Amino acid sequence: MWIKILTAGHVAISLVGIVTGLIAAWGMLRNQRMNRMTAWFLWTTVATSVTGFMFPFNGFTPAVGTGIVSMIALP
């Protein structure tokens, strides 16, 4: 049961991150600073990575590698 809740939360956070990232990118293309959207994008990206590490896993997978790189690159 908890895995379904975790999955739903992880997906919801990811979708918010994608949308806010697209809005922030659109602002960059138009040479407009979008500080709030950029902050939302960064926080939701971190939250996506953190919740991704909460899933049960055995061994190293590409998803784990992507999460590690993301957590190193974001700060």
PDB file of N, CA and C in Angstrom:
ATOM      1  N   MET A   1       0.817  -1.197   0.000  1.00  0.00           N
ATOM      2  CA  MET A   1       0.000   0.000   0.000  1.00  0.00           C
ATOM      3  C   MET A   1       0.863   1.264   0.000  1.00  0.00           C
ATOM      4  N   TRP A   2       1.917   1.288   0.828  1.00  0.00           N
ATOM      5  CA  TRP A   2       2.760   2.482   0.908  1.00  0.00           C
ATOM      6  C   TRP A   2       3.496   2.745  -0.396  1.00  0.00           C
ATOM      7  N   ILE A   3       3.771   1.674  -1.162  1.00  0.00           N
ATOM      8  CA  ILE A   3       4.498   1.861  -2.420  1.00  0.00           C
ATOM      9  C   ILE A   3       3.622   2.595  -3.440  1.00  0.00           C
ATOM     10  N   LYS A   4       2.302   2.367  -3.390  1.00  0.00           N
ATOM     11  CA  LYS A   4       1.397   3.074  -4.295  1.00  0.00           C
ATOM     12  C   LYS A   4       1.344   4.557  -3.947  1.00  0.00           C
ATOM     13  N   ILE A   5       1.318   4.858  -2.661  1.00  0.00           N
ATOM     14  CA  ILE A   5       1.307   6.255  -2.220  1.00  0.00           C
ATOM     15  C   ILE A   5       2.623   6.934  -2.592  1.00  0.00           C
ATOM     16  N   LEU A   6       3.729   6.244  -2.374  1.00  0.00           N
ATOM     17  CA  LEU A   6       5.043   6.780  -2.735  1.00  0.00           C
ATOM     18  C   LEU A   6       5.136   7.022  -4.238  1.00  0.00           C
ATOM     19  N   THR A   7       4.651   6.064  -5.020  1.00  0.00           N
ATOM     20  CA  THR A   7       4.701   6.197  -6.475  1.00  0.00           C
ATOM     21  C   THR A   7       3.855   7.385  -6.930  1.00  0.00           C
ATOM     22  N   ALA A   8       2.646   7.514  -6.392  1.00  0.00           N
ATOM     23  CA  ALA A   8       1.776   8.629  -6.773  1.00  0.00           C
ATOM     24  C   ALA A   8       2.412   9.971  -6.407  1.00  0.00           C
ATOM     25  N   GLY A   9       2.978  10.067  -5.215  1.00  0.00           N
ATOM     26  CA  GLY A   9       3.641  11.298  -4.800  1.00  0.00           C
ATOM     27  C   GLY A   9       4.850  11.612  -5.652  1.00  0.00           C
ATOM     28  N   HIS A  10       5.640  10.594  -5.948  1.00  0.00           N
ATOM     29  CA  HIS A  10       6.840  10.748  -6.770  1.00  0.00           C
ATOM     30  C   HIS A  10       6.472  11.254  -8.164  1.00  0.00           C
ATOM     31  N   VAL A  11       5.437  10.662  -8.745  1.00  0.00           N
ATOM     32  CA  VAL A  11       4.998  11.076 -10.086  1.00  0.00           C
ATOM     33  C   VAL A  11       4.443  12.494 -10.052  1.00  0.00           C
ATOM     34  N   ALA A  12       3.640  12.815  -9.044  1.00  0.00           N
ATOM     35  CA  ALA A  12       3.070  14.165  -8.937  1.00  0.00           C
ATOM     36  C   ALA A  12       4.172  15.221  -8.804  1.00  0.00           C
ATOM     37  N   ILE A  13       5.138  14.946  -7.955  1.00  0.00           N
ATOM     38  CA  ILE A  13       6.255  15.882  -7.778  1.00  0.00           C
ATOM     39  C   ILE A  13       7.038  16.015  -9.082  1.00  0.00           C
ATOM     40  N   SER A  14       7.247  14.909  -9.768  1.00  0.00           N
ATOM     41  CA  SER A  14       7.966  14.937 -11.042  1.00  0.00           C
ATOM     42  C   SER A  14       7.235  15.775 -12.077  1.00  0.00           C
ATOM     43  N   LEU A  15       5.918  15.623 -12.145  1.00  0.00           N
ATOM     44  CA  LEU A  15       5.138  16.400 -13.116  1.00  0.00           C
ATOM     45  C   LEU A  15       5.187  17.892 -12.817  1.00  0.00           C
ATOM     46  N   VAL A  16       5.113  18.251 -11.538  1.00  0.00           N
ATOM     47  CA  VAL A  16       5.244  19.666 -11.163  1.00  0.00           C
ATOM     48  C   VAL A  16       6.632  20.171 -11.568  1.00  0.00           C
ATOM     49  N   GLY A  17       7.655  19.347 -11.350  1.00  0.00           N
ATOM     50  CA  GLY A  17       9.013  19.730 -11.746  1.00  0.00           C
ATOM     51  C   GLY A  17       9.152  19.930 -13.242  1.00  0.00           C
ATOM     52  N   ILE A  18       8.535  19.063 -14.009  1.00  0.00           N
ATOM     53  CA  ILE A  18       8.599  19.195 -15.474  1.00  0.00           C
ATOM     54  C   ILE A  18       7.913  20.480 -15.927  1.00  0.00           C
ATOM     55  N   VAL A  19       6.725  20.727 -15.415  1.00  0.00           N
ATOM     56  CA  VAL A  19       5.971  21.916 -15.819  1.00  0.00           C
ATOM     57  C   VAL A  19       6.708  23.190 -15.410  1.00  0.00           C
ATOM     58  N   THR A  20       7.181  23.250 -14.168  1.00  0.00           N
ATOM     59  CA  THR A  20       7.885  24.460 -13.730  1.00  0.00           C
ATOM     60  C   THR A  20       9.204  24.631 -14.482  1.00  0.00           C
ATOM     61  N   GLY A  21       9.854  23.535 -14.827  1.00  0.00           N
ATOM     62  CA  GLY A  21      11.078  23.621 -15.617  1.00  0.00           C
ATOM     63  C   GLY A  21      10.819  24.163 -17.009  1.00  0.00           C
ATOM     64  N   LEU A  22       9.717  23.731 -17.622  1.00  0.00           N
ATOM     65  CA  LEU A  22       9.361  24.252 -18.947  1.00  0.00           C
ATOM     66  C   LEU A  22       9.031  25.736 -18.895  1.00  0.00           C
ATOM     67  N   ILE A  23       8.322  26.147 -17.847  1.00  0.00           N
ATOM     68  CA  ILE A  23       7.996  27.568 -17.696  1.00  0.00           C
ATOM     69  C   ILE A  23       9.268  28.389 -17.481  1.00  0.00           C
ATOM     70  N   ALA A  24      10.170  27.894 -16.638  1.00  0.00           N
ATOM     71  CA  ALA A  24      11.429  28.609 -16.400  1.00  0.00           C
ATOM     72  C   ALA A  24      12.274  28.670 -17.669  1.00  0.00           C
ATOM     73  N   ALA A  25      12.288  27.593 -18.438  1.00  0.00           N
ATOM     74  CA  ALA A  25      13.041  27.582 -19.700  1.00  0.00           C
ATOM     75  C   ALA A  25      12.438  28.574 -20.690  1.00  0.00           C
ATOM     76  N   TRP A  26      11.111  28.642 -20.743  1.00  0.00           N
ATOM     77  CA  TRP A  26      10.444  29.612 -21.611  1.00  0.00           C
ATOM     78  C   TRP A  26      10.841  31.035 -21.210  1.00  0.00           C
ATOM     79  N   GLY A  27      10.907  31.287 -19.922  1.00  0.00           N
ATOM     80  CA  GLY A  27      11.333  32.597 -19.450  1.00  0.00           C
ATOM     81  C   GLY A  27      12.763  32.910 -19.859  1.00  0.00           C
ATOM     82  N   MET A  28      13.641  31.919 -19.796  1.00  0.00           N
ATOM     83  CA  MET A  28      15.033  32.143 -20.215  1.00  0.00           C
ATOM     84  C   MET A  28      15.105  32.456 -21.708  1.00  0.00           C
ATOM     85  N   LEU A  29      14.292  31.771 -22.497  1.00  0.00           N
ATOM     86  CA  LEU A  29      14.287  32.042 -23.937  1.00  0.00           C
ATOM     87  C   LEU A  29      13.791  33.453 -24.244  1.00  0.00           C
ATOM     88  N   ARG A  30      12.915  33.966 -23.400  1.00  0.00           N
ATOM     89  CA  ARG A  30      12.377  35.314 -23.581  1.00  0.00           C
ATOM     90  C   ARG A  30      13.188  36.357 -22.819  1.00  0.00           C
ATOM     91  N   ASN A  31      14.304  35.934 -22.233  1.00  0.00           N
ATOM     92  CA  ASN A  31      15.198  36.819 -21.482  1.00  0.00           C
ATOM     93  C   ASN A  31      14.487  37.457 -20.289  1.00  0.00           C
ATOM     94  N   GLN A  32      13.648  36.647 -19.612  1.00  0.00           N
ATOM     95  CA  GLN A  32      12.954  37.102 -18.414  1.00  0.00           C
ATOM     96  C   GLN A  32      13.349  36.209 -17.247  1.00  0.00           C
ATOM     97  N   ARG A  33      13.689  36.838 -16.140  1.00  0.00           N
ATOM     98  CA  ARG A  33      14.001  36.066 -14.932  1.00  0.00           C
ATOM     99  C   ARG A  33      12.706  35.564 -14.318  1.00  0.00           C
ATOM    100  N   MET A  34      12.678  34.293 -14.017  1.00  0.00           N
ATOM    101  CA  MET A  34      11.510  33.695 -13.370  1.00  0.00           C
ATOM    102  C   MET A  34      12.008  32.993 -12.110  1.00  0.00           C
ATOM    103  N   ASN A  35      12.314  33.807 -11.099  1.00  0.00           N
ATOM    104  CA  ASN A  35      12.931  33.281  -9.884  1.00  0.00           C
ATOM    105  C   ASN A  35      12.058  32.253  -9.171  1.00  0.00           C
ATOM    106  N   ARG A  36      10.764  32.511  -9.081  1.00  0.00           N
ATOM    107  CA  ARG A  36       9.889  31.560  -8.384  1.00  0.00           C
ATOM    108  C   ARG A  36       9.798  30.234  -9.119  1.00  0.00           C
ATOM    109  N   MET A  37       9.646  30.299 -10.435  1.00  0.00           N
ATOM    110  CA  MET A  37       9.547  29.052 -11.211  1.00  0.00           C
ATOM    111  C   MET A  37      10.861  28.280 -11.144  1.00  0.00           C
ATOM    112  N   THR A  38      11.966  28.987 -11.181  1.00  0.00           N
ATOM    113  CA  THR A  38      13.267  28.330 -11.085  1.00  0.00           C
ATOM    114  C   THR A  38      13.427  27.669  -9.723  1.00  0.00           C
ATOM    115  N   ALA A  39      13.014  28.362  -8.662  1.00  0.00           N
ATOM    116  CA  ALA A  39      13.094  27.785  -7.318  1.00  0.00           C
ATOM    117  C   ALA A  39      12.191  26.565  -7.200  1.00  0.00           C
ATOM    118  N   TRP A  40      10.953  26.665  -7.712  1.00  0.00           N
ATOM    119  CA  TRP A  40      10.045  25.511  -7.689  1.00  0.00           C
ATOM    120  C   TRP A  40      10.646  24.344  -8.459  1.00  0.00           C
ATOM    121  N   PHE A  41      11.240  24.636  -9.618  1.00  0.00           N
ATOM    122  CA  PHE A  41      11.865  23.582 -10.414  1.00  0.00           C
ATOM    123  C   PHE A  41      12.981  22.890  -9.634  1.00  0.00           C
ATOM    124  N   LEU A  42      13.845  23.675  -9.013  1.00  0.00           N
ATOM    125  CA  LEU A  42      14.966  23.081  -8.273  1.00  0.00           C
ATOM    126  C   LEU A  42      14.482  22.263  -7.079  1.00  0.00           C
ATOM    127  N   TRP A  43      13.522  22.791  -6.318  1.00  0.00           N
ATOM    128  CA  TRP A  43      13.020  22.061  -5.148  1.00  0.00           C
ATOM    129  C   TRP A  43      12.296  20.779  -5.551  1.00  0.00           C
ATOM    130  N   THR A  44      11.490  20.837  -6.603  1.00  0.00           N
ATOM    131  CA  THR A  44      10.785  19.623  -7.014  1.00  0.00           C
ATOM    132  C   THR A  44      11.739  18.601  -7.633  1.00  0.00           C
ATOM    133  N   THR A  45      12.799  19.057  -8.253  1.00  0.00           N
ATOM    134  CA  THR A  45      13.793  18.132  -8.782  1.00  0.00           C
ATOM    135  C   THR A  45      14.521  17.426  -7.646  1.00  0.00           C
ATOM    136  N   VAL A  46      14.864  18.164  -6.615  1.00  0.00           N
ATOM    137  CA  VAL A  46      15.483  17.548  -5.439  1.00  0.00           C
ATOM    138  C   VAL A  46      14.504  16.568  -4.784  1.00  0.00           C
ATOM    139  N   ALA A  47      13.249  16.978  -4.638  1.00  0.00           N
ATOM    140  CA  ALA A  47      12.249  16.107  -4.022  1.00  0.00           C
ATOM    141  C   ALA A  47      12.029  14.836  -4.849  1.00  0.00           C
ATOM    142  N   THR A  48      12.059  14.959  -6.166  1.00  0.00           N
ATOM    143  CA  THR A  48      11.924  13.788  -7.029  1.00  0.00           C
ATOM    144  C   THR A  48      13.078  12.817  -6.805  1.00  0.00           C
ATOM    145  N   SER A  49      14.282  13.343  -6.729  1.00  0.00           N
ATOM    146  CA  SER A  49      15.446  12.482  -6.498  1.00  0.00           C
ATOM    147  C   SER A  49      15.375  11.821  -5.127  1.00  0.00           C
ATOM    148  N   VAL A  50      15.001  12.583  -4.117  1.00  0.00           N
ATOM    149  CA  VAL A  50      14.930  12.034  -2.758  1.00  0.00           C
ATOM    150  C   VAL A  50      13.868  10.944  -2.674  1.00  0.00           C
ATOM    151  N   THR A  51      12.690  11.202  -3.222  1.00  0.00           N
ATOM    152  CA  THR A  51      11.644  10.177  -3.170  1.00  0.00           C
ATOM    153  C   THR A  51      12.016   8.970  -4.025  1.00  0.00           C
ATOM    154  N   GLY A  52      12.788   9.178  -5.065  1.00  0.00           N
ATOM    155  CA  GLY A  52      13.238   8.052  -5.881  1.00  0.00           C
ATOM    156  C   GLY A  52      14.120   7.086  -5.112  1.00  0.00           C
ATOM    157  N   PHE A  53      14.896   7.606  -4.179  1.00  0.00           N
ATOM    158  CA  PHE A  53      15.756   6.742  -3.364  1.00  0.00           C
ATOM    159  C   PHE A  53      14.975   5.981  -2.290  1.00  0.00           C
ATOM    160  N   MET A  54      13.714   6.327  -2.096  1.00  0.00           N
ATOM    161  CA  MET A  54      12.894   5.625  -1.102  1.00  0.00           C
ATOM    162  C   MET A  54      12.302   4.324  -1.632  1.00  0.00           C
ATOM    163  N   PHE A  55      12.350   4.132  -2.947  1.00  0.00           N
ATOM    164  CA  PHE A  55      11.822   2.893  -3.521  1.00  0.00           C
ATOM    165  C   PHE A  55      12.761   1.739  -3.204  1.00  0.00           C
ATOM    166  N   PRO A  56      12.203   0.551  -2.996  1.00  0.00           N
ATOM    167  CA  PRO A  56      13.074  -0.607  -2.763  1.00  0.00           C
ATOM    168  C   PRO A  56      13.821  -0.977  -4.050  1.00  0.00           C
ATOM    169  N   PHE A  57      15.108  -1.247  -3.930  1.00  0.00           N
ATOM    170  CA  PHE A  57      15.880  -1.644  -5.106  1.00  0.00           C
ATOM    171  C   PHE A  57      16.980  -2.609  -4.690  1.00  0.00           C
ATOM    172  N   ASN A  58      17.381  -3.433  -5.632  1.00  0.00           N
ATOM    173  CA  ASN A  58      18.476  -4.383  -5.419  1.00  0.00           C
ATOM    174  C   ASN A  58      19.559  -4.099  -6.440  1.00  0.00           C
ATOM    175  N   GLY A  59      20.650  -3.568  -5.998  1.00  0.00           N
ATOM    176  CA  GLY A  59      21.760  -3.306  -6.898  1.00  0.00           C
ATOM    177  C   GLY A  59      21.668  -1.954  -7.580  1.00  0.00           C
ATOM    178  N   PHE A  60      22.646  -1.718  -8.406  1.00  0.00           N
ATOM    179  CA  PHE A  60      22.763  -0.441  -9.112  1.00  0.00           C
ATOM    180  C   PHE A  60      21.974  -0.499 -10.407  1.00  0.00           C
ATOM    181  N   THR A  61      21.134   0.504 -10.642  1.00  0.00           N
ATOM    182  CA  THR A  61      20.350   0.591 -11.876  1.00  0.00           C
ATOM    183  C   THR A  61      20.585   1.961 -12.505  1.00  0.00           C
ATOM    184  N   PRO A  62      20.210   2.147 -13.770  1.00  0.00           N
ATOM    185  CA  PRO A  62      20.340   3.470 -14.382  1.00  0.00           C
ATOM    186  C   PRO A  62      19.571   4.558 -13.618  1.00  0.00           C
ATOM    187  N   ALA A  63      18.424   4.194 -13.039  1.00  0.00           N
ATOM    188  CA  ALA A  63      17.654   5.176 -12.261  1.00  0.00           C
ATOM    189  C   ALA A  63      18.432   5.624 -11.025  1.00  0.00           C
ATOM    190  N   VAL A  64      19.113   4.707 -10.374  1.00  0.00           N
ATOM    191  CA  VAL A  64      19.920   5.052  -9.207  1.00  0.00           C
ATOM    192  C   VAL A  64      21.082   5.954  -9.633  1.00  0.00           C
ATOM    193  N   GLY A  65      21.713   5.625 -10.747  1.00  0.00           N
ATOM    194  CA  GLY A  65      22.812   6.447 -11.261  1.00  0.00           C
ATOM    195  C   GLY A  65      22.363   7.855 -11.602  1.00  0.00           C
ATOM    196  N   THR A  66      21.197   7.966 -12.230  1.00  0.00           N
ATOM    197  CA  THR A  66      20.653   9.275 -12.570  1.00  0.00           C
ATOM    198  C   THR A  66      20.351  10.073 -11.305  1.00  0.00           C
ATOM    199  N   GLY A  67      19.791   9.416 -10.295  1.00  0.00           N
ATOM    200  CA  GLY A  67      19.501  10.091  -9.028  1.00  0.00           C
ATOM    201  C   GLY A  67      20.760  10.587  -8.340  1.00  0.00           C
ATOM    202  N   ILE A  68      21.820   9.785  -8.384  1.00  0.00           N
ATOM    203  CA  ILE A  68      23.080  10.178  -7.751  1.00  0.00           C
ATOM    204  C   ILE A  68      23.669  11.396  -8.472  1.00  0.00           C
ATOM    205  N   VAL A  69      23.688  11.335  -9.806  1.00  0.00           N
ATOM    206  CA  VAL A  69      24.232  12.463 -10.591  1.00  0.00           C
ATOM    207  C   VAL A  69      23.397  13.713 -10.342  1.00  0.00           C
ATOM    208  N   SER A  70      22.085  13.553 -10.295  1.00  0.00           N
ATOM    209  CA  SER A  70      21.193  14.690 -10.045  1.00  0.00           C
ATOM    210  C   SER A  70      21.467  15.311  -8.679  1.00  0.00           C
ATOM    211  N   MET A  71      21.626  14.489  -7.678  1.00  0.00           N
ATOM    212  CA  MET A  71      21.870  15.007  -6.325  1.00  0.00           C
ATOM    213  C   MET A  71      23.232  15.678  -6.210  1.00  0.00           C
ATOM    214  N   ILE A  72      24.197  15.255  -7.001  1.00  0.00           N
ATOM    215  CA  ILE A  72      25.516  15.906  -7.001  1.00  0.00           C
ATOM    216  C   ILE A  72      25.466  17.226  -7.760  1.00  0.00           C
ATOM    217  N   ALA A  73      24.754  17.235  -8.889  1.00  0.00           N
ATOM    218  CA  ALA A  73      24.739  18.411  -9.751  1.00  0.00           C
ATOM    219  C   ALA A  73      23.855  19.548  -9.233  1.00  0.00           C
ATOM    220  N   LEU A  74      22.785  19.236  -8.543  1.00  0.00           N
ATOM    221  CA  LEU A  74      21.837  20.272  -8.120  1.00  0.00           C
ATOM    222  C   LEU A  74      22.400  21.310  -7.152  1.00  0.00           C
ATOM    223  N   PRO A  75      23.202  20.931  -6.166  1.00  0.00           N
ATOM    224  CA  PRO A  75      23.721  21.976  -5.275  1.00  0.00           C
ATOM    225  C   PRO A  75      24.639  22.928  -6.006  1.00  0.00           C
TER     226      PRO A  75
END
